[in-house]
Amino acid sequence: MTAEDQLDYVEKYFKPYKNKLHTLSDVYMAILWPAAVGKASSYVLFKAPGATYKVNKGLDANKDGQITKSEAAAKVFAKLTKGLGAAYRG
């Protein structure tokens, strides 16, 4: 399947979120934890000692046993910021 063909599936996946994804965090939540779409940045996604926390514990920036929407999206924001840097401009 080509990259272009895959975009049909991406469109279908995101279609239910039309007009609901207003921030980069919400776009990421649609992928990671859809229940968090539209929630505040302080919304807790995962808590220790749960299984979902264990597999995502690398996202717990302050190591408090809770992963918030903001913490989870921080790495996505960092990648975006890096990608918009002068070194990546053509």
N, C-alpha and C. Protein backbone atom coordinates (compact mmCIF):
# COMPACT_ATOMS: atom_id res chain seq x y z
N MET A 1 0.85 -1.18 0.00
CA MET A 1 0.00 0.00 0.00
C MET A 1 0.90 1.24 0.00
N THR A 2 0.57 2.18 -0.85
CA THR A 2 1.37 3.40 -0.94
C THR A 2 1.02 4.35 0.20
N ALA A 3 1.89 5.32 0.41
CA ALA A 3 1.62 6.34 1.43
C ALA A 3 0.32 7.07 1.12
N GLU A 4 0.09 7.33 -0.15
CA GLU A 4 -1.14 8.01 -0.56
C GLU A 4 -2.37 7.17 -0.26
N ASP A 5 -2.27 5.86 -0.49
CA ASP A 5 -3.39 4.96 -0.18
C ASP A 5 -3.68 4.93 1.32
N GLN A 6 -2.64 5.00 2.12
CA GLN A 6 -2.80 4.98 3.57
C GLN A 6 -3.57 6.21 4.06
N LEU A 7 -3.45 7.31 3.36
CA LEU A 7 -4.15 8.53 3.78
C LEU A 7 -5.66 8.37 3.76
N ASP A 8 -6.18 7.46 2.95
CA ASP A 8 -7.62 7.19 2.98
C ASP A 8 -8.04 6.66 4.35
N TYR A 9 -7.21 5.80 4.94
CA TYR A 9 -7.49 5.25 6.27
C TYR A 9 -7.33 6.32 7.35
N VAL A 10 -6.35 7.18 7.19
CA VAL A 10 -6.15 8.27 8.14
C VAL A 10 -7.38 9.18 8.13
N GLU A 11 -7.86 9.50 6.94
CA GLU A 11 -9.06 10.35 6.83
C GLU A 11 -10.26 9.69 7.52
N LYS A 12 -10.46 8.41 7.29
CA LYS A 12 -11.57 7.69 7.92
C LYS A 12 -11.44 7.67 9.43
N TYR A 13 -10.21 7.51 9.92
CA TYR A 13 -9.98 7.46 11.36
C TYR A 13 -10.34 8.80 12.01
N PHE A 14 -9.92 9.89 11.39
CA PHE A 14 -10.13 11.20 11.99
C PHE A 14 -11.50 11.81 11.71
N LYS A 15 -12.25 11.25 10.82
CA LYS A 15 -13.56 11.81 10.44
C LYS A 15 -14.50 12.02 11.64
N PRO A 16 -14.60 11.10 12.59
CA PRO A 16 -15.49 11.33 13.74
C PRO A 16 -15.07 12.52 14.61
N TYR A 17 -13.85 12.98 14.45
CA TYR A 17 -13.35 14.09 15.25
C TYR A 17 -13.47 15.44 14.55
N LYS A 18 -14.15 15.47 13.42
CA LYS A 18 -14.31 16.71 12.67
C LYS A 18 -14.87 17.80 13.58
N ASN A 19 -14.23 18.96 13.54
CA ASN A 19 -14.60 20.13 14.35
C ASN A 19 -14.36 19.94 15.85
N LYS A 20 -13.62 18.92 16.23
CA LYS A 20 -13.33 18.69 17.66
C LYS A 20 -11.85 18.82 17.98
N LEU A 21 -11.02 18.83 16.97
CA LEU A 21 -9.58 18.87 17.19
C LEU A 21 -9.07 20.30 16.98
N HIS A 22 -9.03 21.05 18.08
CA HIS A 22 -8.67 22.47 17.99
C HIS A 22 -7.23 22.74 18.39
N THR A 23 -6.55 21.76 18.95
CA THR A 23 -5.17 21.93 19.39
C THR A 23 -4.35 20.72 18.97
N LEU A 24 -3.04 20.91 18.96
CA LEU A 24 -2.16 19.78 18.68
C LEU A 24 -2.34 18.68 19.71
N SER A 25 -2.56 19.07 20.95
CA SER A 25 -2.81 18.08 22.02
C SER A 25 -4.03 17.22 21.71
N ASP A 26 -5.08 17.85 21.21
CA ASP A 26 -6.29 17.09 20.89
C ASP A 26 -6.05 16.13 19.73
N VAL A 27 -5.27 16.55 18.74
CA VAL A 27 -4.95 15.64 17.63
C VAL A 27 -4.21 14.43 18.16
N TYR A 28 -3.23 14.66 19.03
CA TYR A 28 -2.48 13.54 19.61
C TYR A 28 -3.38 12.67 20.48
N MET A 29 -4.29 13.28 21.22
CA MET A 29 -5.19 12.50 22.06
C MET A 29 -6.11 11.62 21.23
N ALA A 30 -6.50 12.08 20.06
CA ALA A 30 -7.34 11.26 19.18
C ALA A 30 -6.63 9.94 18.85
N ILE A 31 -5.32 9.96 18.89
CA ILE A 31 -4.54 8.77 18.60
C ILE A 31 -4.23 7.98 19.88
N LEU A 32 -3.75 8.69 20.90
CA LEU A 32 -3.30 8.01 22.12
C LEU A 32 -4.45 7.63 23.05
N TRP A 33 -5.33 8.57 23.34
CA TRP A 33 -6.39 8.35 24.33
C TRP A 33 -7.60 9.21 23.96
N PRO A 34 -8.45 8.74 23.05
CA PRO A 34 -9.56 9.55 22.53
C PRO A 34 -10.48 10.16 23.57
N ALA A 35 -10.61 9.55 24.73
CA ALA A 35 -11.47 10.12 25.76
C ALA A 35 -10.98 11.49 26.23
N ALA A 36 -9.73 11.82 25.96
CA ALA A 36 -9.15 13.09 26.41
C ALA A 36 -9.34 14.23 25.41
N VAL A 37 -9.88 13.95 24.24
CA VAL A 37 -10.11 15.01 23.25
C VAL A 37 -11.06 16.04 23.86
N GLY A 38 -10.65 17.30 23.82
CA GLY A 38 -11.48 18.37 24.36
C GLY A 38 -11.33 18.61 25.85
N LYS A 39 -10.59 17.77 26.54
CA LYS A 39 -10.39 17.92 27.98
C LYS A 39 -9.28 18.93 28.26
N ALA A 40 -9.21 19.39 29.49
CA ALA A 40 -8.18 20.33 29.92
C ALA A 40 -6.81 19.68 29.88
N SER A 41 -5.77 20.50 29.82
CA SER A 41 -4.41 19.97 29.77
C SER A 41 -4.04 19.24 31.05
N SER A 42 -4.74 19.52 32.14
CA SER A 42 -4.47 18.85 33.42
C SER A 42 -5.20 17.51 33.56
N TYR A 43 -6.00 17.15 32.57
CA TYR A 43 -6.75 15.89 32.59
C TYR A 43 -5.79 14.72 32.74
N VAL A 44 -6.06 13.84 33.69
CA VAL A 44 -5.19 12.69 33.94
C VAL A 44 -5.60 11.54 33.02
N LEU A 45 -4.64 11.08 32.24
CA LEU A 45 -4.87 9.97 31.31
C LEU A 45 -4.66 8.63 32.00
N PHE A 46 -3.53 8.51 32.67
CA PHE A 46 -3.12 7.23 33.25
C PHE A 46 -2.56 7.46 34.66
N LYS A 47 -2.86 6.50 35.55
CA LYS A 47 -2.36 6.56 36.93
C LYS A 47 -1.64 5.27 37.27
N ALA A 48 -0.57 5.39 38.04
CA ALA A 48 0.12 4.21 38.57
C ALA A 48 -0.79 3.58 39.60
N PRO A 49 -0.81 2.29 39.74
CA PRO A 49 0.06 1.30 39.12
C PRO A 49 -0.57 0.62 37.91
N GLY A 50 -1.52 1.26 37.27
CA GLY A 50 -2.25 0.64 36.17
C GLY A 50 -1.38 0.21 35.00
N ALA A 51 -1.89 -0.74 34.25
CA ALA A 51 -1.16 -1.28 33.09
C ALA A 51 -0.92 -0.21 32.03
N THR A 52 -1.92 0.67 31.83
CA THR A 52 -1.73 1.72 30.83
C THR A 52 -0.68 2.72 31.29
N TYR A 53 -0.60 2.94 32.60
CA TYR A 53 0.46 3.82 33.12
C TYR A 53 1.83 3.17 32.87
N LYS A 54 1.93 1.89 33.18
CA LYS A 54 3.22 1.20 33.05
C LYS A 54 3.79 1.29 31.64
N VAL A 55 2.95 1.11 30.63
CA VAL A 55 3.45 1.13 29.25
C VAL A 55 3.70 2.55 28.74
N ASN A 56 3.19 3.55 29.46
CA ASN A 56 3.38 4.95 29.06
C ASN A 56 4.16 5.76 30.08
N LYS A 57 4.78 5.11 31.06
CA LYS A 57 5.42 5.83 32.16
C LYS A 57 6.52 6.78 31.72
N GLY A 58 7.07 6.58 30.55
CA GLY A 58 8.07 7.51 30.02
C GLY A 58 7.50 8.90 29.75
N LEU A 59 6.19 9.01 29.71
CA LEU A 59 5.54 10.30 29.49
C LEU A 59 5.34 11.07 30.80
N ASP A 60 5.54 10.42 31.92
CA ASP A 60 5.32 11.05 33.23
C ASP A 60 6.53 11.92 33.57
N ALA A 61 6.49 13.16 33.10
CA ALA A 61 7.63 14.07 33.21
C ALA A 61 8.04 14.35 34.65
N ASN A 62 7.08 14.52 35.54
CA ASN A 62 7.43 14.84 36.93
C ASN A 62 7.44 13.62 37.85
N LYS A 63 7.25 12.46 37.27
CA LYS A 63 7.33 11.18 38.01
C LYS A 63 6.43 11.14 39.24
N ASP A 64 5.20 11.69 39.09
CA ASP A 64 4.28 11.70 40.23
C ASP A 64 3.26 10.56 40.19
N GLY A 65 3.43 9.64 39.25
CA GLY A 65 2.51 8.51 39.16
C GLY A 65 1.25 8.81 38.37
N GLN A 66 1.19 9.98 37.73
CA GLN A 66 0.06 10.36 36.90
C GLN A 66 0.58 10.96 35.61
N ILE A 67 -0.07 10.62 34.52
CA ILE A 67 0.29 11.21 33.22
C ILE A 67 -0.88 12.06 32.77
N THR A 68 -0.61 13.36 32.66
CA THR A 68 -1.65 14.29 32.23
C THR A 68 -1.61 14.44 30.71
N LYS A 69 -2.66 15.03 30.20
CA LYS A 69 -2.73 15.32 28.76
C LYS A 69 -1.55 16.19 28.37
N SER A 70 -1.24 17.16 29.18
CA SER A 70 -0.12 18.06 28.90
C SER A 70 1.22 17.32 28.86
N GLU A 71 1.44 16.45 29.82
CA GLU A 71 2.68 15.67 29.83
C GLU A 71 2.78 14.77 28.60
N ALA A 72 1.68 14.14 28.26
CA ALA A 72 1.70 13.22 27.12
C ALA A 72 2.00 13.97 25.83
N ALA A 73 1.44 15.16 25.68
CA ALA A 73 1.61 15.93 24.45
C ALA A 73 2.94 16.69 24.40
N ALA A 74 3.65 16.79 25.50
CA ALA A 74 4.88 17.57 25.56
C ALA A 74 5.91 17.11 24.52
N LYS A 75 6.04 15.81 24.35
CA LYS A 75 7.02 15.31 23.38
C LYS A 75 6.61 15.62 21.95
N VAL A 76 5.32 15.64 21.69
CA VAL A 76 4.82 15.99 20.37
C VAL A 76 5.12 17.46 20.09
N PHE A 77 4.87 18.32 21.08
CA PHE A 77 5.19 19.74 20.94
C PHE A 77 6.68 19.95 20.71
N ALA A 78 7.50 19.20 21.42
CA ALA A 78 8.96 19.32 21.26
C ALA A 78 9.38 18.95 19.84
N LYS A 79 8.81 17.89 19.29
CA LYS A 79 9.13 17.48 17.92
C LYS A 79 8.68 18.56 16.92
N LEU A 80 7.51 19.13 17.14
CA LEU A 80 7.03 20.18 16.25
C LEU A 80 7.96 21.39 16.31
N THR A 81 8.32 21.79 17.51
CA THR A 81 9.21 22.94 17.68
C THR A 81 10.55 22.70 16.99
N LYS A 82 11.09 21.53 17.18
CA LYS A 82 12.35 21.18 16.53
C LYS A 82 12.20 21.21 15.01
N GLY A 83 11.14 20.64 14.53
CA GLY A 83 10.90 20.56 13.08
C GLY A 83 10.69 21.92 12.43
N LEU A 84 10.22 22.88 13.21
CA LEU A 84 10.01 24.23 12.67
C LEU A 84 11.28 25.08 12.75
N GLY A 85 12.33 24.53 13.34
CA GLY A 85 13.57 25.26 13.50
C GLY A 85 14.27 25.55 12.16
N ALA A 86 15.15 26.52 12.20
CA ALA A 86 15.86 26.95 10.99
C ALA A 86 16.64 25.82 10.33
N ALA A 87 17.16 24.90 11.11
CA ALA A 87 17.95 23.80 10.55
C ALA A 87 17.12 22.88 9.66
N TYR A 88 15.80 22.92 9.78
CA TYR A 88 14.93 22.02 9.01
C TYR A 88 14.17 22.73 7.90
N ARG A 89 14.49 23.98 7.68
CA ARG A 89 13.81 24.74 6.63
C ARG A 89 14.55 24.58 5.31
N GLY A 90 13.79 24.46 4.24
CA GLY A 90 14.38 24.23 2.93
C GLY A 90 14.62 25.41 2.17
